Amino acid sequence: QVQLVESGGGLVQPGGSLRLSCAASGFNLDYYYIGWFRQAPGKEREGVSRIKISDGSTLYADSVKGRFTISRDNAKNTVDLQMNSLKPDDTALYYCAALISAGLWAGLTEREYHHWGQGTQVTVSS
């Protein structure tokens, strides 16, 4: 079965960096989109970034462009989110999600994705 497990969250000071990983199992990553989403307390879940594994095409929310980078690590079979220049507004529970591509185009809308991990907490605070 499809399983996604996030890791790498933690407490970091403003301006710092974290690298999140999404470990995928039970399916062939090559045929999927993998997205990263986040949900801050009292707010709706929002899309952060996504990658189409087959061609490496990426998409980023405006709020993270130039600071976050999504990539696949073939050796570890993970999809990573490198987060630099972190701000307090980046504080949230971060989730990864999967959607089979099947010739479709996928964005950063929560309802597009069918499989979800449990999340990893990122806190940006001094």
N, C-alpha and C. Protein backbone atom coordinates (compact mmCIF):
# COMPACT_ATOMS: atom_id res chain seq x y z
N GLN A 1 0.85 -1.19 0.00
CA GLN A 1 0.00 0.00 0.00
C GLN A 1 0.88 1.23 0.00
N VAL A 2 0.33 2.33 -0.47
CA VAL A 2 1.06 3.58 -0.51
C VAL A 2 1.31 4.09 0.91
N GLN A 3 2.57 4.37 1.19
CA GLN A 3 2.91 4.91 2.50
C GLN A 3 3.89 6.06 2.32
N LEU A 4 3.62 7.15 3.02
CA LEU A 4 4.49 8.33 3.00
C LEU A 4 4.84 8.68 4.44
N VAL A 5 6.13 8.88 4.69
CA VAL A 5 6.58 9.21 6.04
C VAL A 5 7.50 10.42 5.96
N GLU A 6 7.10 11.49 6.65
CA GLU A 6 7.90 12.71 6.66
C GLU A 6 8.88 12.70 7.81
N SER A 7 10.01 13.37 7.61
CA SER A 7 11.00 13.54 8.68
C SER A 7 11.78 14.82 8.43
N GLY A 8 12.54 15.24 9.45
CA GLY A 8 13.42 16.38 9.28
C GLY A 8 12.94 17.67 9.90
N GLY A 9 11.75 17.66 10.46
CA GLY A 9 11.26 18.87 11.10
C GLY A 9 12.01 19.18 12.38
N GLY A 10 11.75 20.36 12.92
CA GLY A 10 12.39 20.75 14.17
C GLY A 10 12.24 22.23 14.43
N LEU A 11 13.02 22.68 15.40
CA LEU A 11 13.03 24.09 15.79
C LEU A 11 14.26 24.76 15.18
N VAL A 12 14.04 25.87 14.51
CA VAL A 12 15.14 26.59 13.88
C VAL A 12 14.93 28.08 14.06
N GLN A 13 16.01 28.82 14.12
CA GLN A 13 15.92 30.27 14.26
C GLN A 13 15.58 30.92 12.91
N PRO A 14 14.98 32.09 12.95
CA PRO A 14 14.73 32.82 11.69
C PRO A 14 16.01 32.98 10.90
N GLY A 15 15.89 32.77 9.59
CA GLY A 15 17.06 32.82 8.73
C GLY A 15 17.77 31.49 8.57
N GLY A 16 17.38 30.52 9.36
CA GLY A 16 18.03 29.22 9.30
C GLY A 16 17.47 28.32 8.22
N SER A 17 17.94 27.08 8.19
CA SER A 17 17.56 26.12 7.17
C SER A 17 17.16 24.79 7.78
N LEU A 18 16.29 24.10 7.09
CA LEU A 18 15.92 22.73 7.42
C LEU A 18 15.73 21.97 6.12
N ARG A 19 15.92 20.67 6.19
CA ARG A 19 15.67 19.81 5.04
C ARG A 19 14.69 18.74 5.45
N LEU A 20 13.53 18.74 4.84
CA LEU A 20 12.50 17.73 5.11
C LEU A 20 12.63 16.61 4.08
N SER A 21 12.32 15.41 4.52
CA SER A 21 12.32 14.27 3.62
C SER A 21 10.97 13.57 3.67
N CYS A 22 10.54 13.08 2.52
CA CYS A 22 9.32 12.29 2.41
C CYS A 22 9.73 10.93 1.88
N ALA A 23 9.67 9.92 2.74
CA ALA A 23 10.03 8.56 2.33
C ALA A 23 8.80 7.86 1.77
N ALA A 24 8.94 7.36 0.56
CA ALA A 24 7.81 6.73 -0.13
C ALA A 24 8.01 5.23 -0.21
N SER A 25 6.95 4.48 0.00
CA SER A 25 7.01 3.03 -0.15
C SER A 25 5.65 2.52 -0.62
N GLY A 26 5.70 1.32 -1.24
CA GLY A 26 4.46 0.70 -1.69
C GLY A 26 4.01 1.13 -3.06
N PHE A 27 4.79 1.96 -3.72
CA PHE A 27 4.42 2.38 -5.07
C PHE A 27 5.67 2.85 -5.80
N ASN A 28 5.54 2.93 -7.12
CA ASN A 28 6.65 3.39 -7.95
C ASN A 28 6.60 4.90 -8.08
N LEU A 29 7.55 5.53 -7.43
CA LEU A 29 7.59 6.99 -7.38
C LEU A 29 7.61 7.62 -8.77
N ASP A 30 8.15 6.92 -9.75
CA ASP A 30 8.32 7.48 -11.09
C ASP A 30 7.00 7.91 -11.73
N TYR A 31 5.88 7.34 -11.28
CA TYR A 31 4.60 7.61 -11.92
C TYR A 31 3.74 8.60 -11.14
N TYR A 32 4.35 9.32 -10.21
CA TYR A 32 3.58 10.16 -9.31
C TYR A 32 4.05 11.61 -9.28
N TYR A 33 3.13 12.46 -8.86
CA TYR A 33 3.45 13.77 -8.34
C TYR A 33 3.62 13.62 -6.82
N ILE A 34 4.60 14.33 -6.28
CA ILE A 34 4.73 14.43 -4.84
C ILE A 34 4.65 15.90 -4.47
N GLY A 35 3.77 16.19 -3.54
CA GLY A 35 3.61 17.57 -3.10
C GLY A 35 3.95 17.74 -1.64
N TRP A 36 4.37 18.93 -1.29
CA TRP A 36 4.54 19.31 0.10
C TRP A 36 3.50 20.36 0.44
N PHE A 37 2.82 20.16 1.56
CA PHE A 37 1.80 21.07 2.04
C PHE A 37 2.12 21.44 3.48
N ARG A 38 1.49 22.48 3.98
CA ARG A 38 1.69 22.85 5.37
C ARG A 38 0.41 23.42 5.96
N GLN A 39 0.28 23.26 7.26
CA GLN A 39 -0.87 23.79 7.95
C GLN A 39 -0.42 24.42 9.25
N ALA A 40 -0.64 25.71 9.36
CA ALA A 40 -0.34 26.44 10.58
C ALA A 40 -1.57 26.43 11.49
N PRO A 41 -1.37 26.61 12.78
CA PRO A 41 -2.52 26.61 13.71
C PRO A 41 -3.56 27.65 13.31
N GLY A 42 -4.81 27.21 13.23
CA GLY A 42 -5.89 28.13 12.91
C GLY A 42 -6.01 28.48 11.44
N LYS A 43 -5.19 27.87 10.60
CA LYS A 43 -5.23 28.18 9.17
C LYS A 43 -5.51 26.92 8.37
N GLU A 44 -5.93 27.11 7.13
CA GLU A 44 -6.16 25.99 6.24
C GLU A 44 -4.83 25.44 5.73
N ARG A 45 -4.87 24.18 5.33
CA ARG A 45 -3.68 23.58 4.74
C ARG A 45 -3.42 24.22 3.38
N GLU A 46 -2.16 24.53 3.10
CA GLU A 46 -1.82 25.19 1.85
C GLU A 46 -0.69 24.44 1.14
N GLY A 47 -0.70 24.50 -0.17
CA GLY A 47 0.35 23.86 -0.95
C GLY A 47 1.61 24.69 -0.93
N VAL A 48 2.74 24.02 -0.81
CA VAL A 48 4.04 24.68 -0.75
C VAL A 48 4.81 24.45 -2.04
N SER A 49 4.90 23.19 -2.45
CA SER A 49 5.66 22.84 -3.64
C SER A 49 5.26 21.45 -4.09
N ARG A 50 5.50 21.18 -5.38
CA ARG A 50 5.29 19.82 -5.85
C ARG A 50 6.25 19.53 -6.99
N ILE A 51 6.50 18.22 -7.19
CA ILE A 51 7.39 17.79 -8.26
C ILE A 51 6.72 16.64 -9.01
N LYS A 52 6.82 16.67 -10.31
CA LYS A 52 6.39 15.55 -11.13
C LYS A 52 7.63 14.69 -11.34
N ILE A 53 7.63 13.51 -10.76
CA ILE A 53 8.85 12.72 -10.71
C ILE A 53 9.35 12.35 -12.10
N SER A 54 8.45 12.05 -13.03
CA SER A 54 8.87 11.54 -14.35
C SER A 54 9.70 12.55 -15.14
N ASP A 55 9.39 13.83 -15.00
CA ASP A 55 10.16 14.81 -15.78
C ASP A 55 10.83 15.88 -14.90
N GLY A 56 10.64 15.77 -13.60
CA GLY A 56 11.31 16.70 -12.69
C GLY A 56 10.72 18.10 -12.65
N SER A 57 9.59 18.31 -13.31
CA SER A 57 9.02 19.66 -13.30
C SER A 57 8.51 20.00 -11.91
N THR A 58 8.69 21.25 -11.53
CA THR A 58 8.35 21.69 -10.18
C THR A 58 7.42 22.89 -10.19
N LEU A 59 6.80 23.08 -9.05
CA LEU A 59 5.89 24.21 -8.84
C LEU A 59 6.07 24.67 -7.41
N TYR A 60 6.03 25.99 -7.21
CA TYR A 60 6.21 26.54 -5.87
C TYR A 60 5.14 27.59 -5.57
N ALA A 61 4.73 27.64 -4.33
CA ALA A 61 3.89 28.73 -3.89
C ALA A 61 4.71 30.02 -3.90
N ASP A 62 4.07 31.13 -4.18
CA ASP A 62 4.78 32.41 -4.23
C ASP A 62 5.50 32.71 -2.93
N SER A 63 4.92 32.28 -1.83
CA SER A 63 5.47 32.59 -0.51
C SER A 63 6.81 31.91 -0.24
N VAL A 64 7.15 30.89 -1.03
CA VAL A 64 8.40 30.16 -0.77
C VAL A 64 9.36 30.19 -1.94
N LYS A 65 8.96 30.79 -3.06
CA LYS A 65 9.83 30.84 -4.23
C LYS A 65 11.16 31.50 -3.89
N GLY A 66 12.22 30.88 -4.35
CA GLY A 66 13.55 31.41 -4.09
C GLY A 66 14.14 31.00 -2.76
N ARG A 67 13.32 30.41 -1.89
CA ARG A 67 13.81 29.98 -0.58
C ARG A 67 13.75 28.46 -0.42
N PHE A 68 12.74 27.84 -1.00
CA PHE A 68 12.56 26.38 -0.86
C PHE A 68 12.89 25.70 -2.20
N THR A 69 13.42 24.49 -2.10
CA THR A 69 13.71 23.69 -3.28
C THR A 69 13.24 22.26 -3.06
N ILE A 70 12.45 21.76 -4.00
CA ILE A 70 11.99 20.38 -3.92
C ILE A 70 12.83 19.53 -4.87
N SER A 71 13.16 18.32 -4.43
CA SER A 71 13.98 17.46 -5.27
C SER A 71 13.78 16.00 -4.88
N ARG A 72 14.17 15.11 -5.79
CA ARG A 72 14.11 13.69 -5.51
C ARG A 72 15.51 13.18 -5.22
N ASP A 73 15.60 12.36 -4.19
CA ASP A 73 16.85 11.67 -3.89
C ASP A 73 16.68 10.23 -4.33
N ASN A 74 17.29 9.88 -5.46
CA ASN A 74 17.10 8.52 -6.01
C ASN A 74 17.66 7.45 -5.09
N ALA A 75 18.77 7.74 -4.46
CA ALA A 75 19.42 6.73 -3.63
C ALA A 75 18.55 6.36 -2.42
N LYS A 76 17.88 7.35 -1.87
CA LYS A 76 17.08 7.11 -0.66
C LYS A 76 15.60 6.93 -0.97
N ASN A 77 15.22 7.12 -2.24
CA ASN A 77 13.82 7.05 -2.64
C ASN A 77 12.96 8.00 -1.81
N THR A 78 13.45 9.21 -1.69
CA THR A 78 12.72 10.24 -0.97
C THR A 78 12.53 11.46 -1.86
N VAL A 79 11.58 12.28 -1.47
CA VAL A 79 11.42 13.60 -2.06
C VAL A 79 11.70 14.60 -0.95
N ASP A 80 12.68 15.44 -1.17
CA ASP A 80 13.14 16.34 -0.12
C ASP A 80 12.69 17.77 -0.38
N LEU A 81 12.54 18.50 0.70
CA LEU A 81 12.23 19.92 0.61
C LEU A 81 13.30 20.67 1.39
N GLN A 82 14.19 21.32 0.66
CA GLN A 82 15.23 22.13 1.28
C GLN A 82 14.64 23.51 1.55
N MET A 83 14.65 23.92 2.80
CA MET A 83 14.05 25.19 3.18
C MET A 83 15.13 26.10 3.74
N ASN A 84 15.36 27.20 3.07
CA ASN A 84 16.35 28.18 3.48
C ASN A 84 15.68 29.50 3.84
N SER A 85 16.42 30.34 4.52
CA SER A 85 15.93 31.67 4.90
C SER A 85 14.55 31.58 5.56
N LEU A 86 14.44 30.69 6.50
CA LEU A 86 13.16 30.44 7.13
C LEU A 86 12.67 31.63 7.93
N LYS A 87 11.36 31.80 7.92
CA LYS A 87 10.71 32.91 8.61
C LYS A 87 9.72 32.34 9.64
N PRO A 88 9.37 33.13 10.64
CA PRO A 88 8.36 32.64 11.60
C PRO A 88 7.06 32.22 10.92
N ASP A 89 6.70 32.87 9.81
CA ASP A 89 5.48 32.51 9.08
C ASP A 89 5.56 31.13 8.45
N ASP A 90 6.74 30.54 8.38
CA ASP A 90 6.87 29.19 7.84
C ASP A 90 6.54 28.13 8.89
N THR A 91 6.32 28.54 10.11
CA THR A 91 5.97 27.60 11.17
C THR A 91 4.66 26.90 10.85
N ALA A 92 4.71 25.57 10.81
CA ALA A 92 3.52 24.79 10.45
C ALA A 92 3.84 23.31 10.57
N LEU A 93 2.79 22.51 10.47
CA LEU A 93 2.96 21.07 10.30
C LEU A 93 3.06 20.82 8.80
N TYR A 94 4.14 20.20 8.38
CA TYR A 94 4.40 19.97 6.96
C TYR A 94 4.06 18.53 6.60
N TYR A 95 3.31 18.38 5.52
CA TYR A 95 2.89 17.08 5.04
C TYR A 95 3.41 16.85 3.62
N CYS A 96 3.70 15.59 3.29
CA CYS A 96 3.88 15.27 1.89
C CYS A 96 2.67 14.45 1.43
N ALA A 97 2.42 14.53 0.15
CA ALA A 97 1.25 13.88 -0.44
C ALA A 97 1.60 13.37 -1.83
N ALA A 98 0.86 12.35 -2.28
CA ALA A 98 1.15 11.73 -3.57
C ALA A 98 -0.10 11.68 -4.43
N LEU A 99 0.13 11.80 -5.72
CA LEU A 99 -0.94 11.70 -6.71
C LEU A 99 -0.35 11.03 -7.93
N ILE A 100 -1.03 9.98 -8.42
CA ILE A 100 -0.55 9.33 -9.63
C ILE A 100 -0.74 10.28 -10.80
N SER A 101 0.28 10.41 -11.62
CA SER A 101 0.25 11.44 -12.65
C SER A 101 -0.67 11.06 -13.81
N ALA A 102 -0.56 9.85 -14.35
CA ALA A 102 -1.47 9.34 -15.38
C ALA A 102 -1.78 10.38 -16.45
N GLY A 103 -0.79 11.15 -16.85
CA GLY A 103 -1.00 12.12 -17.91
C GLY A 103 -1.70 13.39 -17.49
N LEU A 104 -1.99 13.53 -16.20
CA LEU A 104 -2.69 14.71 -15.72
C LEU A 104 -1.70 15.77 -15.26
N TRP A 105 -2.19 17.01 -15.22
CA TRP A 105 -1.40 18.09 -14.63
C TRP A 105 -1.91 18.32 -13.23
N ALA A 106 -1.00 18.45 -12.27
CA ALA A 106 -1.39 18.67 -10.88
C ALA A 106 -0.77 19.96 -10.36
N GLY A 107 -1.53 20.65 -9.56
CA GLY A 107 -1.05 21.89 -8.95
C GLY A 107 -0.76 21.71 -7.49
N LEU A 108 -1.17 22.71 -6.71
CA LEU A 108 -0.91 22.71 -5.28
C LEU A 108 -2.20 22.75 -4.48
N THR A 109 -3.23 22.12 -5.04
CA THR A 109 -4.50 22.09 -4.33
C THR A 109 -4.63 20.78 -3.56
N GLU A 110 -4.98 20.91 -2.32
CA GLU A 110 -5.05 19.75 -1.43
C GLU A 110 -5.90 18.63 -1.99
N ARG A 111 -7.04 18.94 -2.57
CA ARG A 111 -7.98 17.91 -2.97
C ARG A 111 -7.49 17.09 -4.16
N GLU A 112 -6.44 17.56 -4.83
CA GLU A 112 -5.90 16.81 -5.97
C GLU A 112 -5.17 15.54 -5.51
N TYR A 113 -4.69 15.52 -4.28
CA TYR A 113 -3.79 14.48 -3.83
C TYR A 113 -4.53 13.42 -3.02
N HIS A 114 -4.16 12.17 -3.25
CA HIS A 114 -4.93 11.06 -2.69
C HIS A 114 -4.29 10.40 -1.49
N HIS A 115 -2.98 10.52 -1.37
CA HIS A 115 -2.28 9.82 -0.29
C HIS A 115 -1.48 10.84 0.52
N TRP A 116 -1.52 10.68 1.83
CA TRP A 116 -0.92 11.68 2.71
C TRP A 116 -0.09 11.01 3.80
N GLY A 117 0.97 11.71 4.19
CA GLY A 117 1.73 11.30 5.36
C GLY A 117 1.14 11.92 6.62
N GLN A 118 1.81 11.67 7.75
CA GLN A 118 1.31 12.15 9.04
C GLN A 118 1.81 13.54 9.42
N GLY A 119 2.84 13.99 8.74
CA GLY A 119 3.33 15.34 8.98
C GLY A 119 4.54 15.40 9.88
N THR A 120 5.30 16.48 9.72
CA THR A 120 6.45 16.77 10.58
C THR A 120 6.40 18.25 10.92
N GLN A 121 6.64 18.56 12.19
CA GLN A 121 6.49 19.93 12.67
C GLN A 121 7.74 20.76 12.39
N VAL A 122 7.52 21.94 11.84
CA VAL A 122 8.58 22.93 11.66
C VAL A 122 8.22 24.17 12.45
N THR A 123 9.12 24.57 13.34
CA THR A 123 8.90 25.77 14.14
C THR A 123 10.07 26.71 13.94
N VAL A 124 9.75 27.93 13.51
CA VAL A 124 10.78 28.94 13.27
C VAL A 124 10.60 30.03 14.33
N SER A 125 11.55 30.08 15.23
CA SER A 125 11.42 31.01 16.35
C SER A 125 12.79 31.29 16.94
N SER A 126 12.94 32.51 17.47
CA SER A 126 14.18 32.86 18.15
C SER A 126 14.06 32.61 19.65
